[in-house]
ModelCIF file with pLDDT and N, C-alpha, C, O atoms, coordinates in Angstrom:
data_MODEL
#
_entry.id   MODEL 
#
_entity.id                         1 
_entity.type                       polymer 
_entity.pdbx_number_of_molecules   1 
#
_entity_poly.entity_id                      1 
_entity_poly.type                           'polypeptide(L)' 
_entity_poly.nstd_linkage                   no 
_entity_poly.nstd_monomer                   no 
_entity_poly.pdbx_seq_one_letter_code       SHPVYQYFARRYGLDIKSVHWEPNEVPTDEQWLELQAILREHP 
_entity_poly.pdbx_seq_one_letter_code_can   SHPVYQYFARRYGLDIKSVHWEPNEVPTDEQWLELQAILREHP 
_entity_poly.pdbx_strand_id                 A 
#
loop_
_entity_poly_seq.entity_id 
_entity_poly_seq.num 
_entity_poly_seq.mon_id 
_entity_poly_seq.hetero 
1 1  SER n 
1 2  HIS n 
1 3  PRO n 
1 4  VAL n 
1 5  TYR n 
1 6  GLN n 
1 7  TYR n 
1 8  PHE n 
1 9  ALA n 
1 10 ARG n 
1 11 ARG n 
1 12 TYR n 
1 13 GLY n 
1 14 LEU n 
1 15 ASP n 
1 16 ILE n 
1 17 LYS n 
1 18 SER n 
1 19 VAL n 
1 20 HIS n 
1 21 TRP n 
1 22 GLU n 
1 23 PRO n 
1 24 ASN n 
1 25 GLU n 
1 26 VAL n 
1 27 PRO n 
1 28 THR n 
1 29 ASP n 
1 30 GLU n 
1 31 GLN n 
1 32 TRP n 
1 33 LEU n 
1 34 GLU n 
1 35 LEU n 
1 36 GLN n 
1 37 ALA n 
1 38 ILE n 
1 39 LEU n 
1 40 ARG n 
1 41 GLU n 
1 42 HIS n 
1 43 PRO n 
#
_struct_asym.id          A 
_struct_asym.entity_id   1 
#
loop_
_ma_qa_metric.id 
_ma_qa_metric.mode 
_ma_qa_metric.name 
_ma_qa_metric.software_group_id 
_ma_qa_metric.type 
1 global pLDDT . pLDDT 
2 local  pLDDT . pLDDT 
#
_ma_qa_metric_global.metric_id      1 
_ma_qa_metric_global.metric_value   96.63 
_ma_qa_metric_global.model_id       1 
_ma_qa_metric_global.ordinal_id     1 
#
loop_
_ma_qa_metric_local.label_asym_id 
_ma_qa_metric_local.label_comp_id 
_ma_qa_metric_local.label_seq_id 
_ma_qa_metric_local.metric_id 
_ma_qa_metric_local.metric_value 
_ma_qa_metric_local.model_id 
_ma_qa_metric_local.ordinal_id 
A SER 1  2 97.00 1 1  
A HIS 2  2 95.00 1 2  
A PRO 3  2 96.00 1 3  
A VAL 4  2 97.00 1 4  
A TYR 5  2 98.00 1 5  
A GLN 6  2 98.00 1 6  
A TYR 7  2 98.00 1 7  
A PHE 8  2 98.00 1 8  
A ALA 9  2 97.00 1 9  
A ARG 10 2 97.00 1 10 
A ARG 11 2 97.00 1 11 
A TYR 12 2 96.00 1 12 
A GLY 13 2 95.00 1 13 
A LEU 14 2 95.00 1 14 
A ASP 15 2 96.00 1 15 
A ILE 16 2 97.00 1 16 
A LYS 17 2 97.00 1 17 
A SER 18 2 97.00 1 18 
A VAL 19 2 97.00 1 19 
A HIS 20 2 95.00 1 20 
A TRP 21 2 97.00 1 21 
A GLU 22 2 95.00 1 22 
A PRO 23 2 96.00 1 23 
A ASN 24 2 95.00 1 24 
A GLU 25 2 96.00 1 25 
A VAL 26 2 97.00 1 26 
A PRO 27 2 97.00 1 27 
A THR 28 2 97.00 1 28 
A ASP 29 2 97.00 1 29 
A GLU 30 2 97.00 1 30 
A GLN 31 2 98.00 1 31 
A TRP 32 2 97.00 1 32 
A LEU 33 2 97.00 1 33 
A GLU 34 2 97.00 1 34 
A LEU 35 2 97.00 1 35 
A GLN 36 2 97.00 1 36 
A ALA 37 2 97.00 1 37 
A ILE 38 2 97.00 1 38 
A LEU 39 2 97.00 1 39 
A ARG 40 2 96.00 1 40 
A GLU 41 2 95.00 1 41 
A HIS 42 2 97.00 1 42 
A PRO 43 2 96.00 1 43 
#
loop_
_atom_site.group_PDB 
_atom_site.id 
_atom_site.type_symbol 
_atom_site.label_atom_id 
_atom_site.label_alt_id 
_atom_site.label_comp_id 
_atom_site.label_asym_id 
_atom_site.label_entity_id 
_atom_site.label_seq_id 
_atom_site.pdbx_PDB_ins_code 
_atom_site.Cartn_x 
_atom_site.Cartn_y 
_atom_site.Cartn_z 
_atom_site.occupancy 
_atom_site.B_iso_or_equiv 
_atom_site.pdbx_formal_charge 
_atom_site.auth_seq_id 
_atom_site.auth_comp_id 
_atom_site.auth_asym_id 
_atom_site.auth_atom_id 
_atom_site.pdbx_PDB_model_num 
ATOM 1   N N  . SER A 1 1  ? 0.810   -1.217  0.000   1.00 97.00 ? 1  SER A N  1 
ATOM 2   C CA . SER A 1 1  ? 0.000   0.000   0.000   1.00 97.00 ? 1  SER A CA 1 
ATOM 3   C C  . SER A 1 1  ? 0.844   1.267   0.000   1.00 97.00 ? 1  SER A C  1 
ATOM 4   O O  . SER A 1 1  ? 0.332   2.358   -0.251  1.00 97.00 ? 1  SER A O  1 
ATOM 5   N N  . HIS A 1 2  ? 2.137   1.125   0.282   1.00 95.00 ? 2  HIS A N  1 
ATOM 6   C CA . HIS A 1 2  ? 2.999   2.303   0.415   1.00 95.00 ? 2  HIS A CA 1 
ATOM 7   C C  . HIS A 1 2  ? 4.434   1.899   0.095   1.00 95.00 ? 2  HIS A C  1 
ATOM 8   O O  . HIS A 1 2  ? 4.813   0.757   0.359   1.00 95.00 ? 2  HIS A O  1 
ATOM 9   N N  . PRO A 1 3  ? 5.245   2.795   -0.464  1.00 96.00 ? 3  PRO A N  1 
ATOM 10  C CA . PRO A 1 3  ? 6.631   2.438   -0.831  1.00 96.00 ? 3  PRO A CA 1 
ATOM 11  C C  . PRO A 1 3  ? 7.575   2.538   0.364   1.00 96.00 ? 3  PRO A C  1 
ATOM 12  O O  . PRO A 1 3  ? 8.438   3.414   0.418   1.00 96.00 ? 3  PRO A O  1 
ATOM 13  N N  . VAL A 1 4  ? 7.395   1.619   1.328   1.00 97.00 ? 4  VAL A N  1 
ATOM 14  C CA . VAL A 1 4  ? 8.237   1.624   2.529   1.00 97.00 ? 4  VAL A CA 1 
ATOM 15  C C  . VAL A 1 4  ? 8.887   0.262   2.792   1.00 97.00 ? 4  VAL A C  1 
ATOM 16  O O  . VAL A 1 4  ? 9.546   0.076   3.816   1.00 97.00 ? 4  VAL A O  1 
ATOM 17  N N  . TYR A 1 5  ? 8.706   -0.683  1.878   1.00 98.00 ? 5  TYR A N  1 
ATOM 18  C CA . TYR A 1 5  ? 9.169   -2.042  2.134   1.00 98.00 ? 5  TYR A CA 1 
ATOM 19  C C  . TYR A 1 5  ? 10.397  -2.422  1.300   1.00 98.00 ? 5  TYR A C  1 
ATOM 20  O O  . TYR A 1 5  ? 10.644  -3.608  1.082   1.00 98.00 ? 5  TYR A O  1 
ATOM 21  N N  . GLN A 1 6  ? 11.167  -1.440  0.833   1.00 98.00 ? 6  GLN A N  1 
ATOM 22  C CA . GLN A 1 6  ? 12.261  -1.732  -0.087  1.00 98.00 ? 6  GLN A CA 1 
ATOM 23  C C  . GLN A 1 6  ? 13.341  -2.621  0.541   1.00 98.00 ? 6  GLN A C  1 
ATOM 24  O O  . GLN A 1 6  ? 13.751  -3.614  -0.059  1.00 98.00 ? 6  GLN A O  1 
ATOM 25  N N  . TYR A 1 7  ? 13.798  -2.272  1.736   1.00 98.00 ? 7  TYR A N  1 
ATOM 26  C CA . TYR A 1 7  ? 14.855  -3.073  2.378   1.00 98.00 ? 7  TYR A CA 1 
ATOM 27  C C  . TYR A 1 7  ? 14.316  -4.430  2.805   1.00 98.00 ? 7  TYR A C  1 
ATOM 28  O O  . TYR A 1 7  ? 15.021  -5.437  2.747   1.00 98.00 ? 7  TYR A O  1 
ATOM 29  N N  . PHE A 1 8  ? 13.082  -4.443  3.226   1.00 98.00 ? 8  PHE A N  1 
ATOM 30  C CA . PHE A 1 8  ? 12.423  -5.687  3.588   1.00 98.00 ? 8  PHE A CA 1 
ATOM 31  C C  . PHE A 1 8  ? 12.355  -6.617  2.379   1.00 98.00 ? 8  PHE A C  1 
ATOM 32  O O  . PHE A 1 8  ? 12.687  -7.798  2.477   1.00 98.00 ? 8  PHE A O  1 
ATOM 33  N N  . ALA A 1 9  ? 11.923  -6.079  1.242   1.00 97.00 ? 9  ALA A N  1 
ATOM 34  C CA . ALA A 1 9  ? 11.791  -6.885  0.026   1.00 97.00 ? 9  ALA A CA 1 
ATOM 35  C C  . ALA A 1 9  ? 13.147  -7.404  -0.442  1.00 97.00 ? 9  ALA A C  1 
ATOM 36  O O  . ALA A 1 9  ? 13.271  -8.568  -0.823  1.00 97.00 ? 9  ALA A O  1 
ATOM 37  N N  . ARG A 1 10 ? 14.145  -6.559  -0.415  1.00 97.00 ? 10 ARG A N  1 
ATOM 38  C CA . ARG A 1 10 ? 15.471  -6.986  -0.881  1.00 97.00 ? 10 ARG A CA 1 
ATOM 39  C C  . ARG A 1 10 ? 16.056  -8.082  0.004   1.00 97.00 ? 10 ARG A C  1 
ATOM 40  O O  . ARG A 1 10 ? 16.578  -9.076  -0.501  1.00 97.00 ? 10 ARG A O  1 
ATOM 41  N N  . ARG A 1 11 ? 15.972  -7.907  1.306   1.00 97.00 ? 11 ARG A N  1 
ATOM 42  C CA . ARG A 1 11 ? 16.566  -8.878  2.230   1.00 97.00 ? 11 ARG A CA 1 
ATOM 43  C C  . ARG A 1 11 ? 15.909  -10.243 2.110   1.00 97.00 ? 11 ARG A C  1 
ATOM 44  O O  . ARG A 1 11 ? 16.587  -11.270 2.151   1.00 97.00 ? 11 ARG A O  1 
ATOM 45  N N  . TYR A 1 12 ? 14.579  -10.255 1.961   1.00 96.00 ? 12 TYR A N  1 
ATOM 46  C CA . TYR A 1 12 ? 13.858  -11.516 2.017   1.00 96.00 ? 12 TYR A CA 1 
ATOM 47  C C  . TYR A 1 12 ? 13.379  -11.995 0.650   1.00 96.00 ? 12 TYR A C  1 
ATOM 48  O O  . TYR A 1 12 ? 12.567  -12.914 0.545   1.00 96.00 ? 12 TYR A O  1 
ATOM 49  N N  . GLY A 1 13 ? 13.900  -11.352 -0.394  1.00 95.00 ? 13 GLY A N  1 
ATOM 50  C CA . GLY A 1 13 ? 13.665  -11.822 -1.751  1.00 95.00 ? 13 GLY A CA 1 
ATOM 51  C C  . GLY A 1 13 ? 12.232  -11.714 -2.215  1.00 95.00 ? 13 GLY A C  1 
ATOM 52  O O  . GLY A 1 13 ? 11.765  -12.567 -2.970  1.00 95.00 ? 13 GLY A O  1 
ATOM 53  N N  . LEU A 1 14 ? 11.517  -10.682 -1.782  1.00 95.00 ? 14 LEU A N  1 
ATOM 54  C CA . LEU A 1 14 ? 10.100  -10.553 -2.114  1.00 95.00 ? 14 LEU A CA 1 
ATOM 55  C C  . LEU A 1 14 ? 9.901   -9.735  -3.387  1.00 95.00 ? 14 LEU A C  1 
ATOM 56  O O  . LEU A 1 14 ? 10.658  -8.810  -3.680  1.00 95.00 ? 14 LEU A O  1 
ATOM 57  N N  . ASP A 1 15 ? 8.868   -10.101 -4.128  1.00 96.00 ? 15 ASP A N  1 
ATOM 58  C CA . ASP A 1 15 ? 8.522   -9.436  -5.385  1.00 96.00 ? 15 ASP A CA 1 
ATOM 59  C C  . ASP A 1 15 ? 7.365   -8.478  -5.112  1.00 96.00 ? 15 ASP A C  1 
ATOM 60  O O  . ASP A 1 15 ? 6.199   -8.861  -5.209  1.00 96.00 ? 15 ASP A O  1 
ATOM 61  N N  . ILE A 1 16 ? 7.693   -7.225  -4.770  1.00 97.00 ? 16 ILE A N  1 
ATOM 62  C CA . ILE A 1 16 ? 6.685   -6.262  -4.333  1.00 97.00 ? 16 ILE A CA 1 
ATOM 63  C C  . ILE A 1 16 ? 6.636   -5.055  -5.273  1.00 97.00 ? 16 ILE A C  1 
ATOM 64  O O  . ILE A 1 16 ? 7.666   -4.474  -5.616  1.00 97.00 ? 16 ILE A O  1 
ATOM 65  N N  . LYS A 1 17 ? 5.427   -4.696  -5.678  1.00 97.00 ? 17 LYS A N  1 
ATOM 66  C CA . LYS A 1 17 ? 5.166   -3.430  -6.359  1.00 97.00 ? 17 LYS A CA 1 
ATOM 67  C C  . LYS A 1 17 ? 4.333   -2.559  -5.419  1.00 97.00 ? 17 LYS A C  1 
ATOM 68  O O  . LYS A 1 17 ? 3.453   -3.062  -4.720  1.00 97.00 ? 17 LYS A O  1 
ATOM 69  N N  . SER A 1 18 ? 4.608   -1.271  -5.403  1.00 97.00 ? 18 SER A N  1 
ATOM 70  C CA . SER A 1 18 ? 3.941   -0.392  -4.442  1.00 97.00 ? 18 SER A CA 1 
ATOM 71  C C  . SER A 1 18 ? 3.013   0.614   -5.106  1.00 97.00 ? 18 SER A C  1 
ATOM 72  O O  . SER A 1 18 ? 3.281   1.110   -6.200  1.00 97.00 ? 18 SER A O  1 
ATOM 73  N N  . VAL A 1 19 ? 1.918   0.901   -4.414  1.00 97.00 ? 19 VAL A N  1 
ATOM 74  C CA . VAL A 1 19 ? 1.068   2.036   -4.742  1.00 97.00 ? 19 VAL A CA 1 
ATOM 75  C C  . VAL A 1 19 ? 1.252   3.063   -3.617  1.00 97.00 ? 19 VAL A C  1 
ATOM 76  O O  . VAL A 1 19 ? 2.132   2.901   -2.772  1.00 97.00 ? 19 VAL A O  1 
ATOM 77  N N  . HIS A 1 20 ? 0.428   4.116   -3.603  1.00 95.00 ? 20 HIS A N  1 
ATOM 78  C CA . HIS A 1 20 ? 0.523   5.150   -2.569  1.00 95.00 ? 20 HIS A CA 1 
ATOM 79  C C  . HIS A 1 20 ? -0.854  5.350   -1.949  1.00 95.00 ? 20 HIS A C  1 
ATOM 80  O O  . HIS A 1 20 ? -1.511  6.368   -2.168  1.00 95.00 ? 20 HIS A O  1 
ATOM 81  N N  . TRP A 1 21 ? -1.271  4.370   -1.183  1.00 97.00 ? 21 TRP A N  1 
ATOM 82  C CA . TRP A 1 21 ? -2.578  4.385   -0.541  1.00 97.00 ? 21 TRP A CA 1 
ATOM 83  C C  . TRP A 1 21 ? -2.417  4.537   0.961   1.00 97.00 ? 21 TRP A C  1 
ATOM 84  O O  . TRP A 1 21 ? -1.389  4.164   1.526   1.00 97.00 ? 21 TRP A O  1 
ATOM 85  N N  . GLU A 1 22 ? -3.439  5.088   1.603   1.00 95.00 ? 22 GLU A N  1 
ATOM 86  C CA . GLU A 1 22 ? -3.463  5.221   3.055   1.00 95.00 ? 22 GLU A CA 1 
ATOM 87  C C  . GLU A 1 22 ? -4.514  4.271   3.621   1.00 95.00 ? 22 GLU A C  1 
ATOM 88  O O  . GLU A 1 22 ? -5.623  4.189   3.092   1.00 95.00 ? 22 GLU A O  1 
ATOM 89  N N  . PRO A 1 23 ? -4.177  3.552   4.696   1.00 96.00 ? 23 PRO A N  1 
ATOM 90  C CA . PRO A 1 23 ? -5.134  2.590   5.257   1.00 96.00 ? 23 PRO A CA 1 
ATOM 91  C C  . PRO A 1 23 ? -6.467  3.208   5.666   1.00 96.00 ? 23 PRO A C  1 
ATOM 92  O O  . PRO A 1 23 ? -7.508  2.559   5.565   1.00 96.00 ? 23 PRO A O  1 
ATOM 93  N N  . ASN A 1 24 ? -6.441  4.458   6.126   1.00 95.00 ? 24 ASN A N  1 
ATOM 94  C CA . ASN A 1 24 ? -7.656  5.098   6.629   1.00 95.00 ? 24 ASN A CA 1 
ATOM 95  C C  . ASN A 1 24 ? -8.397  5.902   5.568   1.00 95.00 ? 24 ASN A C  1 
ATOM 96  O O  . ASN A 1 24 ? -9.288  6.687   5.892   1.00 95.00 ? 24 ASN A O  1 
ATOM 97  N N  . GLU A 1 25 ? -8.033  5.712   4.306   1.00 96.00 ? 25 GLU A N  1 
ATOM 98  C CA . GLU A 1 25 ? -8.700  6.403   3.211   1.00 96.00 ? 25 GLU A CA 1 
ATOM 99  C C  . GLU A 1 25 ? -9.107  5.397   2.135   1.00 96.00 ? 25 GLU A C  1 
ATOM 100 O O  . GLU A 1 25 ? -8.344  4.485   1.814   1.00 96.00 ? 25 GLU A O  1 
ATOM 101 N N  . VAL A 1 26 ? -10.288 5.558   1.589   1.00 97.00 ? 26 VAL A N  1 
ATOM 102 C CA . VAL A 1 26 ? -10.729 4.710   0.474   1.00 97.00 ? 26 VAL A CA 1 
ATOM 103 C C  . VAL A 1 26 ? -10.078 5.235   -0.798  1.00 97.00 ? 26 VAL A C  1 
ATOM 104 O O  . VAL A 1 26 ? -10.161 6.433   -1.069  1.00 97.00 ? 26 VAL A O  1 
ATOM 105 N N  . PRO A 1 27 ? -9.433  4.381   -1.588  1.00 97.00 ? 27 PRO A N  1 
ATOM 106 C CA . PRO A 1 27 ? -8.753  4.848   -2.797  1.00 97.00 ? 27 PRO A CA 1 
ATOM 107 C C  . PRO A 1 27 ? -9.709  5.523   -3.779  1.00 97.00 ? 27 PRO A C  1 
ATOM 108 O O  . PRO A 1 27 ? -10.894 5.194   -3.850  1.00 97.00 ? 27 PRO A O  1 
ATOM 109 N N  . THR A 1 28 ? -9.170  6.460   -4.522  1.00 97.00 ? 28 THR A N  1 
ATOM 110 C CA . THR A 1 28 ? -9.939  7.149   -5.549  1.00 97.00 ? 28 THR A CA 1 
ATOM 111 C C  . THR A 1 28 ? -10.055 6.268   -6.789  1.00 97.00 ? 28 THR A C  1 
ATOM 112 O O  . THR A 1 28 ? -9.374  5.249   -6.902  1.00 97.00 ? 28 THR A O  1 
ATOM 113 N N  . ASP A 1 29 ? -10.924 6.668   -7.717  1.00 97.00 ? 29 ASP A N  1 
ATOM 114 C CA . ASP A 1 29 ? -11.049 5.924   -8.975  1.00 97.00 ? 29 ASP A CA 1 
ATOM 115 C C  . ASP A 1 29 ? -9.706  5.864   -9.704  1.00 97.00 ? 29 ASP A C  1 
ATOM 116 O O  . ASP A 1 29 ? -9.351  4.839   -10.285 1.00 97.00 ? 29 ASP A O  1 
ATOM 117 N N  . GLU A 1 30 ? -8.975  6.960   -9.667  1.00 97.00 ? 30 GLU A N  1 
ATOM 118 C CA . GLU A 1 30 ? -7.672  7.001   -10.322 1.00 97.00 ? 30 GLU A CA 1 
ATOM 119 C C  . GLU A 1 30 ? -6.709  5.993   -9.688  1.00 97.00 ? 30 GLU A C  1 
ATOM 120 O O  . GLU A 1 30 ? -5.934  5.341   -10.388 1.00 97.00 ? 30 GLU A O  1 
ATOM 121 N N  . GLN A 1 31 ? -6.762  5.872   -8.377  1.00 98.00 ? 31 GLN A N  1 
ATOM 122 C CA . GLN A 1 31 ? -5.873  4.923   -7.704  1.00 98.00 ? 31 GLN A CA 1 
ATOM 123 C C  . GLN A 1 31 ? -6.250  3.476   -8.028  1.00 98.00 ? 31 GLN A C  1 
ATOM 124 O O  . GLN A 1 31 ? -5.375  2.621   -8.159  1.00 98.00 ? 31 GLN A O  1 
ATOM 125 N N  . TRP A 1 32 ? -7.545  3.202   -8.158  1.00 97.00 ? 32 TRP A N  1 
ATOM 126 C CA . TRP A 1 32 ? -7.952  1.853   -8.550  1.00 97.00 ? 32 TRP A CA 1 
ATOM 127 C C  . TRP A 1 32 ? -7.467  1.529   -9.957  1.00 97.00 ? 32 TRP A C  1 
ATOM 128 O O  . TRP A 1 32 ? -7.038  0.408   -10.230 1.00 97.00 ? 32 TRP A O  1 
ATOM 129 N N  . LEU A 1 33 ? -7.536  2.504   -10.839 1.00 97.00 ? 33 LEU A N  1 
ATOM 130 C CA . LEU A 1 33 ? -7.045  2.283   -12.201 1.00 97.00 ? 33 LEU A CA 1 
ATOM 131 C C  . LEU A 1 33 ? -5.539  2.043   -12.204 1.00 97.00 ? 33 LEU A C  1 
ATOM 132 O O  . LEU A 1 33 ? -5.039  1.221   -12.972 1.00 97.00 ? 33 LEU A O  1 
ATOM 133 N N  . GLU A 1 34 ? -4.823  2.755   -11.352 1.00 97.00 ? 34 GLU A N  1 
ATOM 134 C CA . GLU A 1 34 ? -3.376  2.540   -11.237 1.00 97.00 ? 34 GLU A CA 1 
ATOM 135 C C  . GLU A 1 34 ? -3.078  1.116   -10.788 1.00 97.00 ? 34 GLU A C  1 
ATOM 136 O O  . GLU A 1 34 ? -2.185  0.462   -11.326 1.00 97.00 ? 34 GLU A O  1 
ATOM 137 N N  . LEU A 1 35 ? -3.829  0.640   -9.803  1.00 97.00 ? 35 LEU A N  1 
ATOM 138 C CA . LEU A 1 35 ? -3.629  -0.727  -9.323  1.00 97.00 ? 35 LEU A CA 1 
ATOM 139 C C  . LEU A 1 35 ? -3.915  -1.744  -10.425 1.00 97.00 ? 35 LEU A C  1 
ATOM 140 O O  . LEU A 1 35 ? -3.157  -2.697  -10.605 1.00 97.00 ? 35 LEU A O  1 
ATOM 141 N N  . GLN A 1 36 ? -4.995  -1.544  -11.154 1.00 97.00 ? 36 GLN A N  1 
ATOM 142 C CA . GLN A 1 36 ? -5.344  -2.489  -12.209 1.00 97.00 ? 36 GLN A CA 1 
ATOM 143 C C  . GLN A 1 36 ? -4.264  -2.543  -13.288 1.00 97.00 ? 36 GLN A C  1 
ATOM 144 O O  . GLN A 1 36 ? -4.000  -3.601  -13.859 1.00 97.00 ? 36 GLN A O  1 
ATOM 145 N N  . ALA A 1 37 ? -3.646  -1.402  -13.561 1.00 97.00 ? 37 ALA A N  1 
ATOM 146 C CA . ALA A 1 37 ? -2.536  -1.383  -14.525 1.00 97.00 ? 37 ALA A CA 1 
ATOM 147 C C  . ALA A 1 37 ? -1.359  -2.199  -14.007 1.00 97.00 ? 37 ALA A C  1 
ATOM 148 O O  . ALA A 1 37 ? -0.712  -2.914  -14.773 1.00 97.00 ? 37 ALA A O  1 
ATOM 149 N N  . ILE A 1 38 ? -1.080  -2.096  -12.709 1.00 97.00 ? 38 ILE A N  1 
ATOM 150 C CA . ILE A 1 38 ? 0.003   -2.889  -12.113 1.00 97.00 ? 38 ILE A CA 1 
ATOM 151 C C  . ILE A 1 38 ? -0.308  -4.374  -12.200 1.00 97.00 ? 38 ILE A C  1 
ATOM 152 O O  . ILE A 1 38 ? 0.564   -5.184  -12.515 1.00 97.00 ? 38 ILE A O  1 
ATOM 153 N N  . LEU A 1 39 ? -1.562  -4.726  -11.918 1.00 97.00 ? 39 LEU A N  1 
ATOM 154 C CA . LEU A 1 39 ? -1.942  -6.136  -11.867 1.00 97.00 ? 39 LEU A CA 1 
ATOM 155 C C  . LEU A 1 39 ? -1.848  -6.824  -13.227 1.00 97.00 ? 39 LEU A C  1 
ATOM 156 O O  . LEU A 1 39 ? -1.681  -8.041  -13.301 1.00 97.00 ? 39 LEU A O  1 
ATOM 157 N N  . ARG A 1 40 ? -1.956  -6.051  -14.287 1.00 96.00 ? 40 ARG A N  1 
ATOM 158 C CA . ARG A 1 40 ? -1.847  -6.668  -15.622 1.00 96.00 ? 40 ARG A CA 1 
ATOM 159 C C  . ARG A 1 40 ? -0.463  -7.265  -15.846 1.00 96.00 ? 40 ARG A C  1 
ATOM 160 O O  . ARG A 1 40 ? -0.325  -8.263  -16.554 1.00 96.00 ? 40 ARG A O  1 
ATOM 161 N N  . GLU A 1 41 ? 0.557   -6.665  -15.251 1.00 95.00 ? 41 GLU A N  1 
ATOM 162 C CA . GLU A 1 41 ? 1.925   -7.173  -15.388 1.00 95.00 ? 41 GLU A CA 1 
ATOM 163 C C  . GLU A 1 41 ? 2.406   -7.896  -14.137 1.00 95.00 ? 41 GLU A C  1 
ATOM 164 O O  . GLU A 1 41 ? 3.430   -8.578  -14.158 1.00 95.00 ? 41 GLU A O  1 
ATOM 165 N N  . HIS A 1 42 ? 1.661   -7.744  -13.050 1.00 97.00 ? 42 HIS A N  1 
ATOM 166 C CA . HIS A 1 42 ? 2.108   -8.228  -11.740 1.00 97.00 ? 42 HIS A CA 1 
ATOM 167 C C  . HIS A 1 42 ? 0.893   -8.804  -11.017 1.00 97.00 ? 42 HIS A C  1 
ATOM 168 O O  . HIS A 1 42 ? 0.311   -8.130  -10.166 1.00 97.00 ? 42 HIS A O  1 
ATOM 169 N N  . PRO A 1 43 ? 0.497   -10.040 -11.340 1.00 96.00 ? 43 PRO A N  1 
ATOM 170 C CA . PRO A 1 43 ? -0.779  -10.596 -10.854 1.00 96.00 ? 43 PRO A CA 1 
ATOM 171 C C  . PRO A 1 43 ? -0.749  -10.979 -9.376  1.00 96.00 ? 43 PRO A C  1 
ATOM 172 O O  . PRO A 1 43 ? -1.750  -11.455 -8.841  1.00 96.00 ? 43 PRO A O  1 
#
């Protein structure tokens, strides 16, 4: 949900793509479209 897991991903070999969402906010239509674009290449 946020680009804060870079060192975590590198150390433990995780394949992570990040968006910029806040847990206490419902994503906007634009943010949902951004996620769907990511999912096409990163299921």
